[in-house]
């Protein structure tokens, strides 16, 4: 199947014509893993084989994602499958994206394809329409005089709402807790990167389960998150 895929003239194909075979291969690999788990062979015999099958499974799943995303990306236009893969590889290299496994690359390709569809107007990106946080955030950040009758309290004149595109990533980090006896705790949140910045990038962190406001910093595009 792969030889037919990569030897197609100009590699201008319909990815959907190959997806059925890859889906059948995924089912076979998953069935094989199920049989291995139910077998009575020793782990010394089964585990290395399982690792090999899992690697094959992830590579086939990646190829399936690439083909599906290729069809979506070149819809109503022309472009070869080889060129599509080359553009993805170039993006990974230039962006210094931390892609370390097939699953990570598949997620990246899905995200990039969604951006291409949104730019073309064939798909809407997810957006947050809840503005209930805006009033409390403004009040919390409004400058106030620390001494009554002295100083000036900052007054709000107008507010304007606009949609700001962000790249979103899951964030896991350690945090020190405890007033006397310190201990490390694992925290989860979201990392928001301004998708419109070209020089300095506005990075915002939303801590999971916390009502506190977003923490923002300015970072250089060459920095790695």
Foldseek 3Di string as FASTA:
>chain_A
DVCCQVVPVLQFDQLVVCLVVLVVVLVVLVVVLVVLVVDPDDCVVRVVVNVVSVQVNLVSVLSNLLNVLVNLLQVVHTDHSVVSVVVLVVCCVVQVDPDDGSVSSSVVSVVVSQVSCVVVVNDDDDDDPDCPLVVVVCVVPWDDDPDPPDDDTHDDDDDDDDTFDWDKDKDWDWDWDDDPDTDIDIWIWIWTWGPPDDAKIKIWTDTPPDPDDIDIDIDGSVDDD
